Amino acid sequence: FHNFKHLDWKNAVKDIEAAGLYLKSLGCTKVAITGFCLGGALTIATLTLYPELFTAGVPFYGVPDLSSYNLANIKCPVLAHFGEKDCAAGFSDPESAKRLETAAKEAGINFTLHMWENADHAFMNQDRDTYNPELANKAMEETVEFINKANK
């Protein structure tokens, strides 16, 4: 996680905004955003900076520096997936996930935290030894259902 400190967050979020705007230019009226690990943190950051662009957000196991992003700006529903065995302290461990949930609820956004039992960091990543196919399938089904409901 040490490389995350060196990421140009401002430009990374601008790239995500550009992707959302591009989809809108193609006629997409509803655009959801998701990401994993660093992408999960970028999902949250992007939703705070471009709240009108996205209709749903689904970050997986990643939290940005909450002092840098105003969660109250988020206008769409958010479903956040985290693993109870994640030990990436200060980024995606259960304490970080709960801190995100508390801040989101205090900000008044429509936020749901799903803390997956027996799941570690990157439980969705087929290339990692922490991959859990059963939980990954369930999380993907839940994500699709959530996005479909948000985009009705």
N, C-alpha and C. Protein backbone atom coordinates (compact mmCIF):
# COMPACT_ATOMS: atom_id res chain seq x y z
N PHE A 1 0.81 -1.20 0.00
CA PHE A 1 0.00 0.00 0.00
C PHE A 1 0.85 1.27 0.00
N HIS A 2 2.15 1.12 0.16
CA HIS A 2 3.02 2.29 0.22
C HIS A 2 3.02 3.08 -1.08
N ASN A 3 2.75 2.45 -2.21
CA ASN A 3 2.74 3.16 -3.49
C ASN A 3 1.53 4.07 -3.63
N PHE A 4 0.50 3.84 -2.86
CA PHE A 4 -0.70 4.67 -2.94
C PHE A 4 -0.40 6.11 -2.57
N LYS A 5 0.55 6.31 -1.68
CA LYS A 5 0.90 7.66 -1.26
C LYS A 5 1.43 8.49 -2.42
N HIS A 6 2.00 7.81 -3.40
CA HIS A 6 2.62 8.51 -4.52
C HIS A 6 1.66 8.68 -5.71
N LEU A 7 0.46 8.17 -5.58
CA LEU A 7 -0.52 8.31 -6.65
C LEU A 7 -0.95 9.77 -6.77
N ASP A 8 -1.08 10.25 -7.98
CA ASP A 8 -1.63 11.58 -8.24
C ASP A 8 -3.16 11.44 -8.21
N TRP A 9 -3.71 11.54 -6.99
CA TRP A 9 -5.15 11.32 -6.80
C TRP A 9 -5.98 12.27 -7.64
N LYS A 10 -5.58 13.52 -7.73
CA LYS A 10 -6.35 14.51 -8.48
C LYS A 10 -6.51 14.08 -9.93
N ASN A 11 -5.42 13.67 -10.56
CA ASN A 11 -5.50 13.27 -11.96
C ASN A 11 -6.15 11.90 -12.14
N ALA A 12 -5.96 11.01 -11.18
CA ALA A 12 -6.62 9.71 -11.26
C ALA A 12 -8.15 9.89 -11.24
N VAL A 13 -8.62 10.74 -10.36
CA VAL A 13 -10.05 11.00 -10.26
C VAL A 13 -10.54 11.71 -11.52
N LYS A 14 -9.74 12.60 -12.08
CA LYS A 14 -10.11 13.29 -13.34
C LYS A 14 -10.25 12.26 -14.47
N ASP A 15 -9.38 11.26 -14.49
CA ASP A 15 -9.49 10.21 -15.52
C ASP A 15 -10.79 9.44 -15.37
N ILE A 16 -11.19 9.16 -14.14
CA ILE A 16 -12.45 8.45 -13.90
C ILE A 16 -13.63 9.33 -14.31
N GLU A 17 -13.54 10.61 -14.00
CA GLU A 17 -14.59 11.54 -14.43
C GLU A 17 -14.70 11.50 -15.96
N ALA A 18 -13.57 11.54 -16.64
CA ALA A 18 -13.56 11.53 -18.11
C ALA A 18 -14.23 10.27 -18.65
N ALA A 19 -13.98 9.13 -18.01
CA ALA A 19 -14.63 7.89 -18.45
C ALA A 19 -16.14 7.98 -18.28
N GLY A 20 -16.59 8.52 -17.15
CA GLY A 20 -18.02 8.69 -16.93
C GLY A 20 -18.65 9.64 -17.93
N LEU A 21 -17.96 10.75 -18.21
CA LEU A 21 -18.47 11.71 -19.20
C LEU A 21 -18.51 11.09 -20.59
N TYR A 22 -17.53 10.27 -20.91
CA TYR A 22 -17.51 9.61 -22.20
C TYR A 22 -18.72 8.69 -22.35
N LEU A 23 -19.01 7.91 -21.31
CA LEU A 23 -20.18 7.04 -21.36
C LEU A 23 -21.46 7.86 -21.53
N LYS A 24 -21.55 8.98 -20.85
CA LYS A 24 -22.72 9.85 -21.01
C LYS A 24 -22.81 10.37 -22.44
N SER A 25 -21.65 10.70 -23.03
CA SER A 25 -21.65 11.22 -24.41
C SER A 25 -22.12 10.17 -25.41
N LEU A 26 -22.01 8.90 -25.04
CA LEU A 26 -22.49 7.81 -25.90
C LEU A 26 -23.98 7.55 -25.73
N GLY A 27 -24.60 8.28 -24.81
CA GLY A 27 -26.02 8.12 -24.59
C GLY A 27 -26.39 7.36 -23.33
N CYS A 28 -25.41 6.94 -22.58
CA CYS A 28 -25.71 6.26 -21.31
C CYS A 28 -26.30 7.29 -20.36
N THR A 29 -27.48 7.02 -19.87
CA THR A 29 -28.12 7.97 -18.96
C THR A 29 -27.82 7.64 -17.50
N LYS A 30 -27.40 6.41 -17.27
CA LYS A 30 -27.10 5.98 -15.90
C LYS A 30 -25.74 5.29 -15.91
N VAL A 31 -24.85 5.79 -15.07
CA VAL A 31 -23.49 5.26 -15.01
C VAL A 31 -23.14 4.97 -13.56
N ALA A 32 -22.80 3.73 -13.28
CA ALA A 32 -22.36 3.33 -11.94
C ALA A 32 -20.84 3.22 -11.96
N ILE A 33 -20.26 3.26 -10.77
CA ILE A 33 -18.80 3.18 -10.65
C ILE A 33 -18.45 2.14 -9.59
N THR A 34 -17.41 1.36 -9.87
CA THR A 34 -16.90 0.39 -8.92
C THR A 34 -15.39 0.32 -9.04
N GLY A 35 -14.76 -0.20 -8.01
CA GLY A 35 -13.32 -0.38 -8.03
C GLY A 35 -12.90 -1.27 -6.88
N PHE A 36 -11.71 -1.82 -7.01
CA PHE A 36 -11.19 -2.78 -6.05
C PHE A 36 -9.87 -2.26 -5.48
N CYS A 37 -9.74 -2.35 -4.16
CA CYS A 37 -8.52 -1.93 -3.46
C CYS A 37 -8.32 -0.43 -3.70
N LEU A 38 -7.24 -0.04 -4.34
CA LEU A 38 -7.04 1.38 -4.65
C LEU A 38 -8.22 1.91 -5.46
N GLY A 39 -8.75 1.09 -6.35
CA GLY A 39 -9.92 1.48 -7.14
C GLY A 39 -11.15 1.70 -6.28
N GLY A 40 -11.26 0.96 -5.18
CA GLY A 40 -12.37 1.18 -4.24
C GLY A 40 -12.25 2.54 -3.58
N ALA A 41 -11.03 2.86 -3.16
CA ALA A 41 -10.80 4.18 -2.56
C ALA A 41 -11.04 5.29 -3.58
N LEU A 42 -10.62 5.07 -4.82
CA LEU A 42 -10.85 6.06 -5.88
C LEU A 42 -12.34 6.19 -6.20
N THR A 43 -13.08 5.10 -6.08
CA THR A 43 -14.53 5.17 -6.29
C THR A 43 -15.15 6.15 -5.31
N ILE A 44 -14.81 6.01 -4.04
CA ILE A 44 -15.36 6.91 -3.02
C ILE A 44 -14.93 8.35 -3.29
N ALA A 45 -13.65 8.55 -3.57
CA ALA A 45 -13.15 9.90 -3.84
C ALA A 45 -13.88 10.52 -5.03
N THR A 46 -14.06 9.76 -6.09
CA THR A 46 -14.72 10.27 -7.29
C THR A 46 -16.17 10.64 -7.02
N LEU A 47 -16.86 9.82 -6.24
CA LEU A 47 -18.27 10.12 -5.92
C LEU A 47 -18.40 11.43 -5.14
N THR A 48 -17.40 11.78 -4.36
CA THR A 48 -17.47 13.02 -3.60
C THR A 48 -17.21 14.23 -4.48
N LEU A 49 -16.40 14.06 -5.51
CA LEU A 49 -16.01 15.19 -6.35
C LEU A 49 -16.91 15.38 -7.57
N TYR A 50 -17.56 14.32 -8.01
CA TYR A 50 -18.45 14.40 -9.19
C TYR A 50 -19.78 13.73 -8.86
N PRO A 51 -20.50 14.27 -7.90
CA PRO A 51 -21.70 13.60 -7.38
C PRO A 51 -22.85 13.48 -8.36
N GLU A 52 -22.90 14.33 -9.35
CA GLU A 52 -24.02 14.29 -10.31
C GLU A 52 -23.76 13.31 -11.45
N LEU A 53 -22.56 12.83 -11.58
CA LEU A 53 -22.17 12.02 -12.74
C LEU A 53 -22.58 10.56 -12.61
N PHE A 54 -22.56 10.04 -11.40
CA PHE A 54 -22.78 8.60 -11.21
C PHE A 54 -24.08 8.32 -10.46
N THR A 55 -24.71 7.18 -10.82
CA THR A 55 -26.00 6.82 -10.24
C THR A 55 -25.88 5.76 -9.15
N ALA A 56 -24.72 5.16 -9.01
CA ALA A 56 -24.47 4.17 -7.96
C ALA A 56 -22.97 4.01 -7.82
N GLY A 57 -22.55 3.66 -6.61
CA GLY A 57 -21.14 3.41 -6.36
C GLY A 57 -20.95 2.14 -5.55
N VAL A 58 -19.97 1.34 -5.97
CA VAL A 58 -19.69 0.08 -5.28
C VAL A 58 -18.18 -0.08 -5.09
N PRO A 59 -17.66 0.48 -4.00
CA PRO A 59 -16.25 0.28 -3.71
C PRO A 59 -16.01 -1.06 -3.00
N PHE A 60 -14.94 -1.72 -3.38
CA PHE A 60 -14.50 -2.95 -2.74
C PHE A 60 -13.20 -2.67 -1.99
N TYR A 61 -13.19 -2.96 -0.71
CA TYR A 61 -12.04 -2.94 0.18
C TYR A 61 -10.99 -1.86 -0.11
N GLY A 62 -11.42 -0.60 0.06
CA GLY A 62 -10.50 0.52 -0.05
C GLY A 62 -11.16 1.80 0.41
N VAL A 63 -10.47 2.56 1.25
CA VAL A 63 -10.99 3.82 1.78
C VAL A 63 -9.95 4.91 1.55
N PRO A 64 -10.35 6.02 0.93
CA PRO A 64 -9.41 7.12 0.77
C PRO A 64 -9.23 7.87 2.10
N ASP A 65 -8.36 8.83 2.11
CA ASP A 65 -8.19 9.71 3.26
C ASP A 65 -9.48 10.52 3.41
N LEU A 66 -10.29 10.17 4.39
CA LEU A 66 -11.61 10.80 4.53
C LEU A 66 -11.53 12.28 4.88
N SER A 67 -10.40 12.74 5.35
CA SER A 67 -10.27 14.17 5.63
C SER A 67 -10.10 14.97 4.33
N SER A 68 -9.83 14.29 3.23
CA SER A 68 -9.64 14.96 1.95
C SER A 68 -10.89 14.97 1.07
N TYR A 69 -11.90 14.20 1.43
CA TYR A 69 -13.09 14.05 0.59
C TYR A 69 -14.35 14.17 1.45
N ASN A 70 -15.26 15.03 1.03
CA ASN A 70 -16.48 15.29 1.79
C ASN A 70 -17.57 14.29 1.38
N LEU A 71 -17.79 13.30 2.22
CA LEU A 71 -18.78 12.28 1.91
C LEU A 71 -20.18 12.85 1.75
N ALA A 72 -20.45 13.98 2.37
CA ALA A 72 -21.78 14.60 2.27
C ALA A 72 -22.10 15.00 0.84
N ASN A 73 -21.10 15.09 -0.03
CA ASN A 73 -21.34 15.44 -1.43
C ASN A 73 -21.95 14.30 -2.22
N ILE A 74 -21.82 13.08 -1.75
CA ILE A 74 -22.29 11.91 -2.51
C ILE A 74 -23.81 11.94 -2.62
N LYS A 75 -24.30 11.79 -3.84
CA LYS A 75 -25.74 11.87 -4.10
C LYS A 75 -26.37 10.52 -4.43
N CYS A 76 -25.56 9.52 -4.75
CA CYS A 76 -26.09 8.23 -5.17
C CYS A 76 -25.94 7.20 -4.05
N PRO A 77 -26.67 6.10 -4.14
CA PRO A 77 -26.49 5.04 -3.15
C PRO A 77 -25.12 4.36 -3.31
N VAL A 78 -24.59 3.91 -2.18
CA VAL A 78 -23.27 3.27 -2.16
C VAL A 78 -23.38 1.93 -1.42
N LEU A 79 -22.83 0.89 -2.03
CA LEU A 79 -22.70 -0.42 -1.41
C LEU A 79 -21.21 -0.71 -1.32
N ALA A 80 -20.69 -0.83 -0.11
CA ALA A 80 -19.25 -1.05 0.09
C ALA A 80 -19.01 -2.47 0.59
N HIS A 81 -18.10 -3.17 -0.08
CA HIS A 81 -17.74 -4.54 0.28
C HIS A 81 -16.37 -4.57 0.96
N PHE A 82 -16.31 -5.22 2.12
CA PHE A 82 -15.05 -5.39 2.84
C PHE A 82 -15.01 -6.79 3.43
N GLY A 83 -13.81 -7.25 3.75
CA GLY A 83 -13.64 -8.56 4.35
C GLY A 83 -13.28 -8.46 5.81
N GLU A 84 -13.89 -9.31 6.63
CA GLU A 84 -13.65 -9.25 8.07
C GLU A 84 -12.23 -9.67 8.45
N LYS A 85 -11.53 -10.36 7.56
CA LYS A 85 -10.16 -10.80 7.86
C LYS A 85 -9.10 -9.89 7.23
N ASP A 86 -9.53 -8.83 6.59
CA ASP A 86 -8.61 -7.89 5.95
C ASP A 86 -7.75 -7.23 7.02
N CYS A 87 -6.45 -7.23 6.82
CA CYS A 87 -5.56 -6.65 7.84
C CYS A 87 -4.78 -5.45 7.32
N ALA A 88 -5.27 -4.81 6.25
CA ALA A 88 -4.63 -3.60 5.72
C ALA A 88 -5.06 -2.41 6.59
N ALA A 89 -4.39 -2.27 7.71
CA ALA A 89 -4.75 -1.26 8.71
C ALA A 89 -4.74 0.14 8.13
N GLY A 90 -5.82 0.86 8.43
CA GLY A 90 -5.95 2.24 7.98
C GLY A 90 -6.41 2.38 6.54
N PHE A 91 -6.64 1.26 5.87
CA PHE A 91 -7.06 1.32 4.46
C PHE A 91 -8.29 0.47 4.17
N SER A 92 -8.27 -0.78 4.57
CA SER A 92 -9.40 -1.65 4.23
C SER A 92 -9.71 -2.68 5.32
N ASP A 93 -9.08 -2.57 6.45
CA ASP A 93 -9.38 -3.46 7.55
C ASP A 93 -10.79 -3.15 8.09
N PRO A 94 -11.35 -4.04 8.89
CA PRO A 94 -12.71 -3.80 9.40
C PRO A 94 -12.87 -2.46 10.12
N GLU A 95 -11.86 -2.01 10.83
CA GLU A 95 -11.96 -0.72 11.52
C GLU A 95 -12.10 0.43 10.53
N SER A 96 -11.35 0.36 9.44
CA SER A 96 -11.45 1.39 8.40
C SER A 96 -12.82 1.36 7.74
N ALA A 97 -13.32 0.16 7.50
CA ALA A 97 -14.65 0.01 6.90
C ALA A 97 -15.73 0.59 7.81
N LYS A 98 -15.63 0.30 9.09
CA LYS A 98 -16.61 0.83 10.05
C LYS A 98 -16.50 2.35 10.17
N ARG A 99 -15.28 2.86 10.11
CA ARG A 99 -15.09 4.31 10.16
C ARG A 99 -15.75 4.96 8.93
N LEU A 100 -15.59 4.33 7.77
CA LEU A 100 -16.24 4.82 6.55
C LEU A 100 -17.76 4.78 6.71
N GLU A 101 -18.27 3.68 7.22
CA GLU A 101 -19.72 3.54 7.41
C GLU A 101 -20.25 4.63 8.34
N THR A 102 -19.58 4.85 9.45
CA THR A 102 -20.01 5.87 10.41
C THR A 102 -19.99 7.24 9.76
N ALA A 103 -18.92 7.57 9.05
CA ALA A 103 -18.82 8.88 8.40
C ALA A 103 -19.90 9.04 7.33
N ALA A 104 -20.17 7.97 6.60
CA ALA A 104 -21.20 8.03 5.54
C ALA A 104 -22.58 8.25 6.15
N LYS A 105 -22.88 7.53 7.20
CA LYS A 105 -24.18 7.67 7.85
C LYS A 105 -24.32 9.08 8.44
N GLU A 106 -23.25 9.58 9.06
CA GLU A 106 -23.28 10.94 9.62
C GLU A 106 -23.46 11.98 8.51
N ALA A 107 -22.96 11.69 7.33
CA ALA A 107 -23.09 12.60 6.19
C ALA A 107 -24.46 12.51 5.54
N GLY A 108 -25.25 11.51 5.94
CA GLY A 108 -26.61 11.39 5.43
C GLY A 108 -26.72 10.73 4.07
N ILE A 109 -25.70 10.00 3.65
CA ILE A 109 -25.80 9.35 2.35
C ILE A 109 -26.41 7.96 2.50
N ASN A 110 -26.95 7.46 1.41
CA ASN A 110 -27.52 6.12 1.35
C ASN A 110 -26.35 5.15 1.22
N PHE A 111 -25.95 4.56 2.34
CA PHE A 111 -24.73 3.76 2.40
C PHE A 111 -25.00 2.42 3.05
N THR A 112 -24.53 1.36 2.39
CA THR A 112 -24.64 0.02 2.94
C THR A 112 -23.25 -0.60 2.99
N LEU A 113 -22.87 -1.09 4.15
CA LEU A 113 -21.61 -1.80 4.32
C LEU A 113 -21.91 -3.28 4.37
N HIS A 114 -21.24 -4.04 3.50
CA HIS A 114 -21.31 -5.50 3.59
C HIS A 114 -19.93 -5.98 4.01
N MET A 115 -19.85 -6.44 5.25
CA MET A 115 -18.61 -6.99 5.80
C MET A 115 -18.69 -8.50 5.61
N TRP A 116 -17.92 -9.01 4.67
CA TRP A 116 -17.99 -10.43 4.33
C TRP A 116 -17.25 -11.28 5.36
N GLU A 117 -17.98 -12.21 5.94
CA GLU A 117 -17.42 -13.13 6.92
C GLU A 117 -16.39 -14.04 6.26
N ASN A 118 -15.29 -14.26 6.92
CA ASN A 118 -14.21 -15.14 6.44
C ASN A 118 -13.57 -14.66 5.14
N ALA A 119 -13.69 -13.38 4.84
CA ALA A 119 -13.08 -12.83 3.63
C ALA A 119 -11.88 -11.98 4.00
N ASP A 120 -10.86 -12.09 3.19
CA ASP A 120 -9.63 -11.33 3.37
C ASP A 120 -9.60 -10.23 2.31
N HIS A 121 -8.56 -9.41 2.35
CA HIS A 121 -8.36 -8.40 1.32
C HIS A 121 -8.23 -9.11 -0.03
N ALA A 122 -8.78 -8.51 -1.06
CA ALA A 122 -8.72 -9.03 -2.44
C ALA A 122 -9.44 -10.37 -2.60
N PHE A 123 -10.50 -10.57 -1.84
CA PHE A 123 -11.24 -11.83 -1.96
C PHE A 123 -11.91 -11.99 -3.32
N MET A 124 -11.97 -10.93 -4.11
CA MET A 124 -12.53 -10.98 -5.46
C MET A 124 -11.49 -11.28 -6.53
N ASN A 125 -10.21 -11.18 -6.19
CA ASN A 125 -9.13 -11.25 -7.17
C ASN A 125 -8.68 -12.69 -7.40
N GLN A 126 -8.97 -13.21 -8.59
CA GLN A 126 -8.65 -14.60 -8.94
C GLN A 126 -7.15 -14.87 -8.95
N ASP A 127 -6.34 -13.84 -9.03
CA ASP A 127 -4.89 -14.02 -9.08
C ASP A 127 -4.23 -13.96 -7.71
N ARG A 128 -5.01 -13.85 -6.67
CA ARG A 128 -4.44 -13.75 -5.31
C ARG A 128 -4.81 -15.00 -4.52
N ASP A 129 -3.97 -15.34 -3.57
CA ASP A 129 -4.26 -16.51 -2.74
C ASP A 129 -5.42 -16.25 -1.77
N THR A 130 -5.85 -15.01 -1.66
CA THR A 130 -6.99 -14.67 -0.80
C THR A 130 -8.33 -14.77 -1.55
N TYR A 131 -8.27 -15.12 -2.84
CA TYR A 131 -9.48 -15.25 -3.65
C TYR A 131 -10.42 -16.28 -3.02
N ASN A 132 -11.68 -15.90 -2.92
CA ASN A 132 -12.71 -16.78 -2.39
C ASN A 132 -13.84 -16.83 -3.42
N PRO A 133 -13.85 -17.86 -4.27
CA PRO A 133 -14.82 -17.89 -5.37
C PRO A 133 -16.28 -17.85 -4.92
N GLU A 134 -16.58 -18.52 -3.83
CA GLU A 134 -17.97 -18.52 -3.36
C GLU A 134 -18.40 -17.11 -2.95
N LEU A 135 -17.58 -16.45 -2.15
CA LEU A 135 -17.91 -15.09 -1.72
C LEU A 135 -17.85 -14.12 -2.89
N ALA A 136 -16.90 -14.30 -3.78
CA ALA A 136 -16.78 -13.42 -4.96
C ALA A 136 -18.05 -13.49 -5.80
N ASN A 137 -18.57 -14.68 -6.01
CA ASN A 137 -19.81 -14.82 -6.79
C ASN A 137 -20.98 -14.16 -6.08
N LYS A 138 -21.06 -14.37 -4.76
CA LYS A 138 -22.15 -13.74 -4.00
C LYS A 138 -22.03 -12.22 -4.03
N ALA A 139 -20.81 -11.71 -3.87
CA ALA A 139 -20.61 -10.26 -3.89
C ALA A 139 -20.94 -9.68 -5.26
N MET A 140 -20.59 -10.39 -6.31
CA MET A 140 -20.91 -9.90 -7.66
C MET A 140 -22.41 -9.90 -7.90
N GLU A 141 -23.10 -10.94 -7.46
CA GLU A 141 -24.56 -10.98 -7.59
C GLU A 141 -25.19 -9.83 -6.83
N GLU A 142 -24.72 -9.59 -5.62
CA GLU A 142 -25.25 -8.49 -4.80
C GLU A 142 -24.98 -7.14 -5.47
N THR A 143 -23.81 -7.00 -6.05
CA THR A 143 -23.43 -5.76 -6.73
C THR A 143 -24.33 -5.49 -7.93
N VAL A 144 -24.54 -6.51 -8.75
CA VAL A 144 -25.39 -6.35 -9.94
C VAL A 144 -26.82 -6.00 -9.52
N GLU A 145 -27.32 -6.68 -8.51
CA GLU A 145 -28.67 -6.40 -8.01
C GLU A 145 -28.76 -4.96 -7.49
N PHE A 146 -27.75 -4.55 -6.75
CA PHE A 146 -27.72 -3.19 -6.19
C PHE A 146 -27.70 -2.13 -7.29
N ILE A 147 -26.86 -2.32 -8.29
CA ILE A 147 -26.76 -1.35 -9.39
C ILE A 147 -28.06 -1.32 -10.18
N ASN A 148 -28.61 -2.48 -10.47
CA ASN A 148 -29.89 -2.51 -11.20
C ASN A 148 -31.00 -1.78 -10.44
N LYS A 149 -31.05 -1.99 -9.13
CA LYS A 149 -32.07 -1.31 -8.31
C LYS A 149 -31.83 0.20 -8.29
N ALA A 150 -30.57 0.61 -8.15
CA ALA A 150 -30.24 2.04 -8.10
C ALA A 150 -30.53 2.72 -9.44
N ASN A 151 -30.44 1.98 -10.51
CA ASN A 151 -30.60 2.59 -11.85
C ASN A 151 -31.99 2.44 -12.42
N LYS A 152 -32.96 2.04 -11.60
CA LYS A 152 -34.35 1.95 -12.10
C LYS A 152 -34.97 3.31 -12.18
